[in-house]
Amino acid sequence: MTDTPLFTIHPDVTQEQALNYASDLVRCLITLTHESCDSDLQTSRALNWSALHLATMTKAFVDHSVERR
């Protein structure tokens, strides 16, 4: 795997916007992981991959907001 990020944030996104997007994504992650806990194994695996991608996007928004300080 390379050091190139899978998700990048457009440079015009403000710190406030980035944190708002990150907050929305975390809310989705919480809901998704609750659903995953109540699902069968095959569905749970699919939900876990979705959560991984959401977490990666969330990190990109948080990193972007920190860099804009």
C-alpha atoms as a PDB file:
ATOM      1  CA  MET A   1       0.000   0.000   0.000  1.00  0.00           C
ATOM      2  CA  THR A   2       1.270   3.470  -0.839  1.00  0.00           C
ATOM      3  CA  ASP A   3       1.275   6.585   1.305  1.00  0.00           C
ATOM      4  CA  THR A   4      -1.128   8.217  -1.147  1.00  0.00           C
ATOM      5  CA  PRO A   5      -4.428   8.839   0.658  1.00  0.00           C
ATOM      6  CA  LEU A   6      -7.516   7.169  -0.763  1.00  0.00           C
ATOM      7  CA  PHE A   7      -9.623  10.209   0.132  1.00  0.00           C
ATOM      8  CA  THR A   8      -8.541  13.825  -0.133  1.00  0.00           C
ATOM      9  CA  ILE A   9     -10.442  16.978   0.735  1.00  0.00           C
ATOM     10  CA  HIS A  10     -10.745  19.891  -1.669  1.00  0.00           C
ATOM     11  CA  PRO A  11      -8.510  22.735  -0.425  1.00  0.00           C
ATOM     12  CA  ASP A  12     -11.423  25.200  -0.455  1.00  0.00           C
ATOM     13  CA  VAL A  13     -13.247  23.275   2.294  1.00  0.00           C
ATOM     14  CA  THR A  14     -13.064  25.361   5.472  1.00  0.00           C
ATOM     15  CA  GLN A  15     -12.132  24.023   8.880  1.00  0.00           C
ATOM     16  CA  GLU A  16     -15.737  24.406  10.041  1.00  0.00           C
ATOM     17  CA  GLN A  17     -17.096  22.562   6.999  1.00  0.00           C
ATOM     18  CA  ALA A  18     -14.585  19.751   7.447  1.00  0.00           C
ATOM     19  CA  LEU A  19     -15.537  19.302  11.099  1.00  0.00           C
ATOM     20  CA  ASN A  20     -19.258  19.360  10.240  1.00  0.00           C
ATOM     21  CA  TYR A  21     -18.741  16.646   7.607  1.00  0.00           C
ATOM     22  CA  ALA A  22     -16.649  14.618  10.059  1.00  0.00           C
ATOM     23  CA  SER A  23     -19.373  14.910  12.687  1.00  0.00           C
ATOM     24  CA  ASP A  24     -21.995  13.669  10.212  1.00  0.00           C
ATOM     25  CA  LEU A  25     -19.777  10.755   9.207  1.00  0.00           C
ATOM     26  CA  VAL A  26     -19.179   9.777  12.850  1.00  0.00           C
ATOM     27  CA  ARG A  27     -22.953   9.740  13.416  1.00  0.00           C
ATOM     28  CA  CYS A  28     -23.281   7.395  10.434  1.00  0.00           C
ATOM     29  CA  LEU A  29     -20.456   5.229  11.766  1.00  0.00           C
ATOM     30  CA  ILE A  30     -22.179   4.869  15.117  1.00  0.00           C
ATOM     31  CA  THR A  31     -25.436   3.793  13.470  1.00  0.00           C
ATOM     32  CA  LEU A  32     -23.620   1.441  11.115  1.00  0.00           C
ATOM     33  CA  THR A  33     -21.670  -0.297  13.866  1.00  0.00           C
ATOM     34  CA  HIS A  34     -24.821  -0.761  15.963  1.00  0.00           C
ATOM     35  CA  GLU A  35     -26.481  -2.410  12.952  1.00  0.00           C
ATOM     36  CA  SER A  36     -23.399  -4.559  12.378  1.00  0.00           C
ATOM     37  CA  CYS A  37     -23.563  -5.911  15.925  1.00  0.00           C
ATOM     38  CA  ASP A  38     -27.146  -7.061  15.355  1.00  0.00           C
ATOM     39  CA  SER A  39     -26.557  -8.608  11.918  1.00  0.00           C
ATOM     40  CA  ASP A  40     -25.649 -12.052  10.674  1.00  0.00           C
ATOM     41  CA  LEU A  41     -22.001 -12.741   9.851  1.00  0.00           C
ATOM     42  CA  GLN A  42     -22.179 -12.069   6.093  1.00  0.00           C
ATOM     43  CA  THR A  43     -24.078  -8.791   6.528  1.00  0.00           C
ATOM     44  CA  SER A  44     -21.828  -7.805   9.415  1.00  0.00           C
ATOM     45  CA  ARG A  45     -18.724  -8.181   7.249  1.00  0.00           C
ATOM     46  CA  ALA A  46     -20.206  -5.925   4.557  1.00  0.00           C
ATOM     47  CA  LEU A  47     -21.189  -3.339   7.157  1.00  0.00           C
ATOM     48  CA  ASN A  48     -17.701  -3.467   8.680  1.00  0.00           C
ATOM     49  CA  TRP A  49     -16.108  -2.687   5.289  1.00  0.00           C
ATOM     50  CA  SER A  50     -18.518   0.228   4.940  1.00  0.00           C
ATOM     51  CA  ALA A  51     -17.543   1.454   8.403  1.00  0.00           C
ATOM     52  CA  LEU A  52     -13.867   1.228   7.467  1.00  0.00           C
ATOM     53  CA  HIS A  53     -14.401   3.447   4.427  1.00  0.00           C
ATOM     54  CA  LEU A  54     -16.457   5.946   6.448  1.00  0.00           C
ATOM     55  CA  ALA A  55     -13.733   6.045   9.109  1.00  0.00           C
ATOM     56  CA  THR A  56     -11.102   6.716   6.432  1.00  0.00           C
ATOM     57  CA  MET A  57     -13.179   9.578   5.015  1.00  0.00           C
ATOM     58  CA  THR A  58     -13.757  10.963   8.515  1.00  0.00           C
ATOM     59  CA  LYS A  59     -10.017  10.935   9.214  1.00  0.00           C
ATOM     60  CA  ALA A  60      -9.413  12.863   5.981  1.00  0.00           C
ATOM     61  CA  PHE A  61     -11.859  15.584   7.088  1.00  0.00           C
ATOM     62  CA  VAL A  62     -10.354  15.786  10.579  1.00  0.00           C
ATOM     63  CA  ASP A  63      -6.807  15.893   9.200  1.00  0.00           C
ATOM     64  CA  HIS A  64      -7.882  18.635   6.773  1.00  0.00           C
ATOM     65  CA  SER A  65      -9.372  20.703   9.603  1.00  0.00           C
ATOM     66  CA  VAL A  66      -6.173  20.356  11.668  1.00  0.00           C
ATOM     67  CA  GLU A  67      -4.015  21.390   8.705  1.00  0.00           C
ATOM     68  CA  ARG A  68      -6.147  24.525   8.194  1.00  0.00           C
ATOM     69  CA  ARG A  69      -5.353  25.841  11.683  1.00  0.00           C
END
